[in-house]
N, C-alpha and C. Protein backbone atom coordinates (compact mmCIF):
# COMPACT_ATOMS: atom_id res chain seq x y z
N MET A 1 53.92 52.62 0.88
CA MET A 1 52.99 53.57 0.31
C MET A 1 51.60 53.31 0.88
N THR A 2 50.90 54.35 1.20
CA THR A 2 49.54 54.20 1.69
C THR A 2 48.57 54.67 0.62
N VAL A 3 47.31 54.29 0.79
CA VAL A 3 46.29 54.66 -0.19
C VAL A 3 45.78 56.08 -0.01
N SER A 4 46.34 56.78 0.95
CA SER A 4 46.01 58.20 1.13
C SER A 4 47.18 58.86 1.85
N SER A 5 47.05 60.15 2.10
CA SER A 5 48.11 60.86 2.81
C SER A 5 48.06 60.59 4.31
N SER A 6 46.93 60.10 4.83
CA SER A 6 46.83 59.73 6.24
C SER A 6 47.30 58.29 6.41
N PRO A 7 47.48 57.84 7.65
CA PRO A 7 47.95 56.47 7.85
C PRO A 7 47.11 55.43 7.12
N THR A 8 45.81 55.52 7.19
CA THR A 8 44.93 54.69 6.38
C THR A 8 43.53 55.29 6.39
N PRO A 9 42.87 55.26 5.25
CA PRO A 9 41.49 55.72 5.23
C PRO A 9 40.53 54.63 5.72
N PHE A 10 41.06 53.45 6.04
CA PHE A 10 40.22 52.31 6.39
C PHE A 10 40.22 52.05 7.89
N THR A 11 39.77 53.05 8.63
CA THR A 11 39.64 52.93 10.08
C THR A 11 38.45 52.03 10.41
N ARG A 12 38.31 51.68 11.67
CA ARG A 12 37.16 50.84 12.07
C ARG A 12 35.83 51.48 11.73
N PRO A 13 35.65 52.78 12.02
CA PRO A 13 34.36 53.39 11.65
C PRO A 13 34.10 53.35 10.13
N VAL A 14 35.12 53.55 9.34
CA VAL A 14 34.96 53.50 7.88
C VAL A 14 34.62 52.07 7.45
N MET A 15 35.28 51.08 8.04
CA MET A 15 35.00 49.69 7.69
C MET A 15 33.57 49.33 8.07
N ALA A 16 33.09 49.85 9.19
CA ALA A 16 31.70 49.60 9.61
C ALA A 16 30.71 50.26 8.66
N GLU A 17 31.13 51.36 8.05
CA GLU A 17 30.28 52.03 7.05
C GLU A 17 30.27 51.23 5.74
N ILE A 18 31.43 50.73 5.34
CA ILE A 18 31.54 49.96 4.10
C ILE A 18 30.80 48.63 4.23
N PHE A 19 30.95 47.98 5.39
CA PHE A 19 30.29 46.69 5.61
C PHE A 19 29.58 46.74 6.96
N PRO A 20 28.36 47.30 7.01
CA PRO A 20 27.66 47.48 8.28
C PRO A 20 27.27 46.16 8.94
N GLN A 21 27.19 46.19 10.25
CA GLN A 21 26.89 44.99 11.04
C GLN A 21 25.57 44.35 10.64
N ASP A 22 24.57 45.14 10.26
CA ASP A 22 23.27 44.58 9.91
C ASP A 22 23.31 43.74 8.64
N ARG A 23 24.39 43.82 7.89
CA ARG A 23 24.49 43.02 6.67
C ARG A 23 24.52 41.53 7.00
N THR A 24 25.07 41.17 8.16
CA THR A 24 25.08 39.76 8.56
C THR A 24 23.65 39.23 8.67
N ASP A 25 22.79 39.95 9.39
CA ASP A 25 21.41 39.50 9.54
C ASP A 25 20.68 39.46 8.20
N ARG A 26 20.92 40.44 7.35
CA ARG A 26 20.29 40.44 6.03
C ARG A 26 20.76 39.25 5.20
N PHE A 27 22.06 38.90 5.32
CA PHE A 27 22.62 37.76 4.61
C PHE A 27 21.93 36.46 5.05
N PHE A 28 21.83 36.26 6.37
CA PHE A 28 21.22 35.02 6.85
C PHE A 28 19.71 34.99 6.61
N GLU A 29 19.08 36.14 6.65
CA GLU A 29 17.65 36.20 6.32
C GLU A 29 17.43 35.73 4.88
N ALA A 30 18.26 36.21 3.96
CA ALA A 30 18.14 35.83 2.55
C ALA A 30 18.55 34.37 2.33
N LEU A 31 19.60 33.93 3.02
CA LEU A 31 20.14 32.59 2.80
C LEU A 31 19.32 31.51 3.49
N LEU A 32 18.92 31.76 4.74
CA LEU A 32 18.26 30.73 5.55
C LEU A 32 16.80 31.03 5.88
N GLY A 33 16.36 32.23 5.57
CA GLY A 33 14.99 32.60 5.88
C GLY A 33 14.79 33.14 7.28
N ASP A 34 15.86 33.14 8.09
CA ASP A 34 15.77 33.62 9.47
C ASP A 34 17.15 34.09 9.91
N ALA A 35 17.27 35.37 10.20
CA ALA A 35 18.57 35.92 10.61
C ALA A 35 19.10 35.25 11.87
N GLY A 36 18.23 34.79 12.74
CA GLY A 36 18.64 34.14 13.98
C GLY A 36 19.27 32.78 13.79
N GLU A 37 19.17 32.22 12.60
CA GLU A 37 19.76 30.91 12.33
C GLU A 37 21.25 30.98 11.99
N GLY A 38 21.77 32.17 11.78
CA GLY A 38 23.18 32.32 11.43
C GLY A 38 24.09 31.92 12.58
N ALA A 39 25.17 31.22 12.27
CA ALA A 39 26.11 30.75 13.29
C ALA A 39 27.23 31.74 13.57
N TYR A 40 27.34 32.80 12.75
CA TYR A 40 28.45 33.73 12.91
C TYR A 40 28.05 35.13 12.48
N ASP A 41 28.82 36.10 12.95
CA ASP A 41 28.71 37.48 12.50
C ASP A 41 29.81 37.73 11.50
N ILE A 42 29.53 38.56 10.51
CA ILE A 42 30.49 38.86 9.45
C ILE A 42 30.97 40.29 9.60
N GLY A 43 32.28 40.48 9.56
CA GLY A 43 32.86 41.81 9.57
C GLY A 43 33.95 41.91 8.53
N LEU A 44 34.20 43.09 8.03
CA LEU A 44 35.28 43.32 7.07
C LEU A 44 36.38 44.11 7.76
N VAL A 45 37.61 43.61 7.70
CA VAL A 45 38.74 44.19 8.41
C VAL A 45 39.84 44.55 7.43
N TYR A 46 40.39 45.75 7.56
CA TYR A 46 41.55 46.17 6.77
C TYR A 46 42.79 45.49 7.33
N VAL A 47 43.60 44.90 6.45
CA VAL A 47 44.81 44.18 6.88
C VAL A 47 46.08 44.96 6.55
N GLY A 48 46.17 45.49 5.33
CA GLY A 48 47.38 46.21 4.94
C GLY A 48 47.40 46.44 3.44
N GLU A 49 48.52 47.00 2.99
CA GLU A 49 48.65 47.33 1.58
C GLU A 49 50.10 47.39 1.15
N SER A 50 50.28 47.34 -0.15
CA SER A 50 51.59 47.53 -0.78
C SER A 50 51.35 48.42 -2.00
N GLU A 51 52.37 48.63 -2.79
CA GLU A 51 52.22 49.43 -4.02
C GLU A 51 51.21 48.79 -4.97
N GLU A 52 51.16 47.46 -4.98
CA GLU A 52 50.36 46.74 -5.97
C GLU A 52 49.01 46.27 -5.49
N GLN A 53 48.81 46.18 -4.17
CA GLN A 53 47.53 45.66 -3.71
C GLN A 53 47.18 46.12 -2.30
N ILE A 54 45.91 45.94 -1.98
CA ILE A 54 45.42 46.23 -0.65
C ILE A 54 44.71 44.97 -0.15
N GLN A 55 44.86 44.67 1.13
CA GLN A 55 44.32 43.44 1.67
C GLN A 55 43.29 43.72 2.78
N PHE A 56 42.21 42.95 2.71
CA PHE A 56 41.17 42.95 3.72
C PHE A 56 40.89 41.51 4.09
N GLU A 57 40.13 41.32 5.14
CA GLU A 57 39.66 39.98 5.51
C GLU A 57 38.21 40.09 5.96
N PHE A 58 37.41 39.14 5.51
CA PHE A 58 36.10 38.96 6.10
C PHE A 58 36.32 38.12 7.35
N HIS A 59 35.92 38.63 8.50
CA HIS A 59 36.03 37.87 9.75
C HIS A 59 34.66 37.27 10.05
N LEU A 60 34.65 35.96 10.24
CA LEU A 60 33.44 35.24 10.60
C LEU A 60 33.60 34.84 12.06
N ARG A 61 32.88 35.52 12.93
CA ARG A 61 33.00 35.29 14.38
C ARG A 61 31.78 34.53 14.89
N GLN A 62 32.07 33.45 15.57
CA GLN A 62 31.01 32.59 16.10
C GLN A 62 30.06 33.37 16.99
N ARG A 63 28.77 33.15 16.79
CA ARG A 63 27.76 33.77 17.65
C ARG A 63 27.62 32.94 18.92
N PRO A 64 27.28 33.59 20.04
CA PRO A 64 27.09 32.85 21.30
C PRO A 64 26.08 31.72 21.13
N GLY A 65 26.44 30.55 21.66
CA GLY A 65 25.55 29.41 21.61
C GLY A 65 25.50 28.71 20.27
N ARG A 66 26.34 29.13 19.34
CA ARG A 66 26.38 28.54 17.99
C ARG A 66 27.72 27.87 17.75
N CYS A 67 27.79 27.09 16.70
CA CYS A 67 29.03 26.39 16.36
C CYS A 67 29.51 26.89 15.01
N LEU A 68 30.73 27.37 14.99
CA LEU A 68 31.34 27.83 13.74
C LEU A 68 32.08 26.64 13.13
N ALA A 69 31.33 25.74 12.53
CA ALA A 69 31.91 24.53 11.96
C ALA A 69 32.48 24.81 10.58
N CYS A 70 33.55 24.11 10.27
CA CYS A 70 34.22 24.30 8.98
C CYS A 70 33.26 24.09 7.81
N ASN A 71 32.36 23.12 7.96
CA ASN A 71 31.46 22.85 6.84
C ASN A 71 30.49 24.01 6.58
N LEU A 72 30.37 24.93 7.53
CA LEU A 72 29.53 26.11 7.32
C LEU A 72 30.26 27.23 6.59
N THR A 73 31.59 27.20 6.60
CA THR A 73 32.34 28.36 6.07
C THR A 73 33.21 28.05 4.86
N TYR A 74 33.52 26.81 4.57
CA TYR A 74 34.47 26.54 3.50
C TYR A 74 33.94 26.83 2.10
N GLY A 75 32.67 26.81 1.87
CA GLY A 75 32.11 27.15 0.56
C GLY A 75 31.76 28.62 0.40
N LEU A 76 32.06 29.41 1.43
CA LEU A 76 31.62 30.81 1.42
C LEU A 76 32.25 31.70 0.35
N PRO A 77 33.50 31.51 -0.04
CA PRO A 77 34.01 32.42 -1.07
C PRO A 77 33.10 32.47 -2.30
N GLU A 78 32.67 31.32 -2.79
CA GLU A 78 31.79 31.30 -3.96
C GLU A 78 30.44 31.93 -3.66
N VAL A 79 29.92 31.71 -2.45
CA VAL A 79 28.64 32.30 -2.06
C VAL A 79 28.77 33.82 -1.96
N PHE A 80 29.82 34.30 -1.29
CA PHE A 80 30.02 35.74 -1.13
C PHE A 80 30.16 36.44 -2.48
N ILE A 81 30.88 35.82 -3.40
CA ILE A 81 31.10 36.43 -4.72
C ILE A 81 29.79 36.67 -5.44
N ARG A 82 28.81 35.78 -5.26
CA ARG A 82 27.56 35.87 -6.01
C ARG A 82 26.40 36.48 -5.23
N HIS A 83 26.51 36.56 -3.91
CA HIS A 83 25.34 36.93 -3.11
C HIS A 83 25.07 38.44 -3.16
N PRO A 84 23.83 38.84 -3.49
CA PRO A 84 23.53 40.27 -3.61
C PRO A 84 23.60 41.05 -2.29
N VAL A 85 23.40 40.40 -1.16
CA VAL A 85 23.51 41.11 0.12
C VAL A 85 24.97 41.44 0.43
N ILE A 86 25.86 40.52 0.13
CA ILE A 86 27.30 40.79 0.33
C ILE A 86 27.75 41.85 -0.67
N ASP A 87 27.28 41.75 -1.91
CA ASP A 87 27.48 42.77 -2.96
C ASP A 87 28.97 43.11 -3.14
N MET A 88 29.73 42.14 -3.59
CA MET A 88 31.17 42.35 -3.76
C MET A 88 31.48 43.50 -4.69
N ALA A 89 30.74 43.65 -5.78
CA ALA A 89 31.00 44.75 -6.72
C ALA A 89 30.80 46.10 -6.03
N GLY A 90 29.73 46.22 -5.26
CA GLY A 90 29.47 47.46 -4.52
C GLY A 90 30.50 47.71 -3.45
N LEU A 91 30.93 46.65 -2.79
CA LEU A 91 31.97 46.74 -1.77
C LEU A 91 33.27 47.26 -2.37
N ILE A 92 33.66 46.72 -3.52
CA ILE A 92 34.89 47.16 -4.20
C ILE A 92 34.75 48.63 -4.61
N ARG A 93 33.59 49.04 -5.08
CA ARG A 93 33.37 50.45 -5.44
C ARG A 93 33.54 51.36 -4.22
N GLN A 94 33.01 50.94 -3.08
CA GLN A 94 33.15 51.75 -1.87
C GLN A 94 34.61 51.86 -1.44
N ILE A 95 35.34 50.76 -1.53
CA ILE A 95 36.77 50.79 -1.20
C ILE A 95 37.49 51.71 -2.18
N ASP A 96 37.19 51.56 -3.47
CA ASP A 96 37.83 52.37 -4.51
C ASP A 96 37.61 53.86 -4.27
N SER A 97 36.42 54.23 -3.80
CA SER A 97 36.11 55.64 -3.60
C SER A 97 36.93 56.27 -2.47
N ARG A 98 37.57 55.44 -1.65
CA ARG A 98 38.35 55.95 -0.52
C ARG A 98 39.85 55.93 -0.77
N ILE A 99 40.24 55.44 -1.92
CA ILE A 99 41.67 55.42 -2.27
C ILE A 99 42.02 56.75 -2.92
N CYS A 100 43.06 57.41 -2.42
CA CYS A 100 43.39 58.72 -2.97
C CYS A 100 44.91 58.89 -3.11
N ASN A 101 45.54 57.93 -3.76
CA ASN A 101 46.98 58.00 -3.97
C ASN A 101 47.34 57.90 -5.44
N GLY A 102 46.40 58.22 -6.32
CA GLY A 102 46.65 58.09 -7.75
C GLY A 102 46.42 56.68 -8.25
N LYS A 103 45.86 55.83 -7.42
CA LYS A 103 45.56 54.45 -7.81
C LYS A 103 44.06 54.23 -7.70
N ARG A 104 43.62 53.11 -8.25
CA ARG A 104 42.23 52.68 -8.12
C ARG A 104 42.22 51.15 -8.03
N CYS A 105 41.09 50.62 -7.64
CA CYS A 105 40.96 49.17 -7.53
C CYS A 105 40.96 48.55 -8.92
N GLY A 106 41.72 47.48 -9.04
CA GLY A 106 41.74 46.69 -10.27
C GLY A 106 41.03 45.38 -10.01
N THR A 107 41.66 44.30 -10.39
CA THR A 107 41.06 42.99 -10.17
C THR A 107 41.15 42.62 -8.69
N TRP A 108 40.24 41.79 -8.27
CA TRP A 108 40.21 41.36 -6.87
C TRP A 108 40.03 39.86 -6.80
N ARG A 109 40.38 39.32 -5.64
CA ARG A 109 40.29 37.87 -5.42
C ARG A 109 39.88 37.61 -3.98
N LEU A 110 38.87 36.78 -3.82
CA LEU A 110 38.45 36.34 -2.49
C LEU A 110 39.03 34.95 -2.28
N GLY A 111 39.90 34.82 -1.27
CA GLY A 111 40.62 33.57 -1.03
C GLY A 111 39.79 32.56 -0.27
N ARG A 112 40.41 31.41 -0.05
CA ARG A 112 39.76 30.31 0.65
C ARG A 112 39.66 30.58 2.15
N THR A 113 38.66 29.99 2.75
CA THR A 113 38.43 30.13 4.18
C THR A 113 39.62 29.61 4.97
N GLN A 114 40.04 30.39 5.95
CA GLN A 114 41.13 30.00 6.84
C GLN A 114 40.58 29.92 8.26
N GLU A 115 40.82 28.80 8.93
CA GLU A 115 40.37 28.64 10.31
C GLU A 115 41.45 29.17 11.24
N VAL A 116 41.21 30.32 11.84
CA VAL A 116 42.15 30.93 12.78
C VAL A 116 42.00 30.28 14.14
N SER A 117 40.75 30.07 14.55
CA SER A 117 40.45 29.40 15.82
C SER A 117 39.06 28.78 15.71
N ARG A 118 38.61 28.14 16.76
CA ARG A 118 37.28 27.54 16.75
C ARG A 118 36.18 28.60 16.64
N THR A 119 36.51 29.83 17.01
CA THR A 119 35.50 30.89 17.01
C THR A 119 35.73 31.96 15.95
N LEU A 120 36.80 31.83 15.16
CA LEU A 120 37.10 32.82 14.12
C LEU A 120 37.63 32.14 12.86
N HIS A 121 36.92 32.38 11.76
CA HIS A 121 37.40 31.98 10.44
C HIS A 121 37.52 33.26 9.62
N VAL A 122 38.47 33.29 8.67
CA VAL A 122 38.65 34.48 7.83
C VAL A 122 38.66 34.10 6.35
N LEU A 123 38.20 35.03 5.54
CA LEU A 123 38.28 34.92 4.09
C LEU A 123 39.09 36.11 3.61
N PRO A 124 40.30 35.88 3.10
CA PRO A 124 41.13 37.00 2.64
C PRO A 124 40.61 37.59 1.33
N LEU A 125 40.64 38.91 1.27
CA LEU A 125 40.24 39.65 0.07
C LEU A 125 41.44 40.49 -0.37
N SER A 126 41.96 40.18 -1.55
CA SER A 126 43.08 40.94 -2.12
C SER A 126 42.58 41.73 -3.31
N ILE A 127 42.90 43.01 -3.33
CA ILE A 127 42.48 43.89 -4.41
C ILE A 127 43.71 44.49 -5.05
N GLY A 128 43.87 44.25 -6.34
CA GLY A 128 44.97 44.84 -7.08
C GLY A 128 44.76 46.33 -7.24
N LEU A 129 45.85 47.10 -7.15
CA LEU A 129 45.81 48.54 -7.36
C LEU A 129 46.46 48.87 -8.69
N VAL A 130 45.77 49.68 -9.47
CA VAL A 130 46.26 50.07 -10.79
C VAL A 130 46.25 51.59 -10.87
N PRO A 131 47.06 52.17 -11.77
CA PRO A 131 47.07 53.63 -11.91
C PRO A 131 45.69 54.17 -12.25
N ASP A 132 45.36 55.29 -11.65
CA ASP A 132 44.08 55.95 -11.89
C ASP A 132 44.31 57.03 -12.95
N HIS A 133 44.30 56.63 -14.20
CA HIS A 133 44.57 57.55 -15.30
C HIS A 133 43.47 58.58 -15.50
N GLN A 134 42.27 58.28 -15.01
CA GLN A 134 41.16 59.20 -15.17
C GLN A 134 41.08 60.21 -14.03
N GLY A 135 41.89 60.00 -12.99
CA GLY A 135 41.90 60.93 -11.87
C GLY A 135 40.60 60.95 -11.09
N SER A 136 39.90 59.80 -11.05
CA SER A 136 38.60 59.77 -10.40
C SER A 136 38.70 59.76 -8.88
N ASN A 137 39.84 59.40 -8.33
CA ASN A 137 40.00 59.41 -6.88
C ASN A 137 40.41 60.79 -6.42
N ARG A 138 39.69 61.31 -5.46
CA ARG A 138 39.98 62.65 -4.94
C ARG A 138 40.67 62.54 -3.59
N GLN A 139 41.46 63.54 -3.28
CA GLN A 139 42.09 63.63 -1.97
C GLN A 139 41.00 63.84 -0.93
N ARG A 140 41.05 63.10 0.17
CA ARG A 140 40.02 63.22 1.22
C ARG A 140 40.64 63.83 2.45
């Protein structure tokens, strides 16, 4: 089952709209006082879905000349959950607004950092799907 009648409403352009590239610089500006001090770029990637949930990943990609060390990324789930620039509640609302299969976003969970490679770490985001009894999701 898909979240819409098309293959997925979460194409790369849509994901870039939901989580724009400039959010990385704003995050590091707020966190470190200088966007140039960030060791990685943050992107949100659609992974897949089932009847009960939809999966995304935050991709943390090492910036040129920087080191994506584990100690920089392992505490991030807690930081992302609370940080106003990441705005998890707003992010979930944007995802919810694009679901049009009679479901809506329910509870969500940001998982622990996974080291895919020296230059890529990911944080899995799982969002439960529940029936949309209010019919707030429209066909797009």
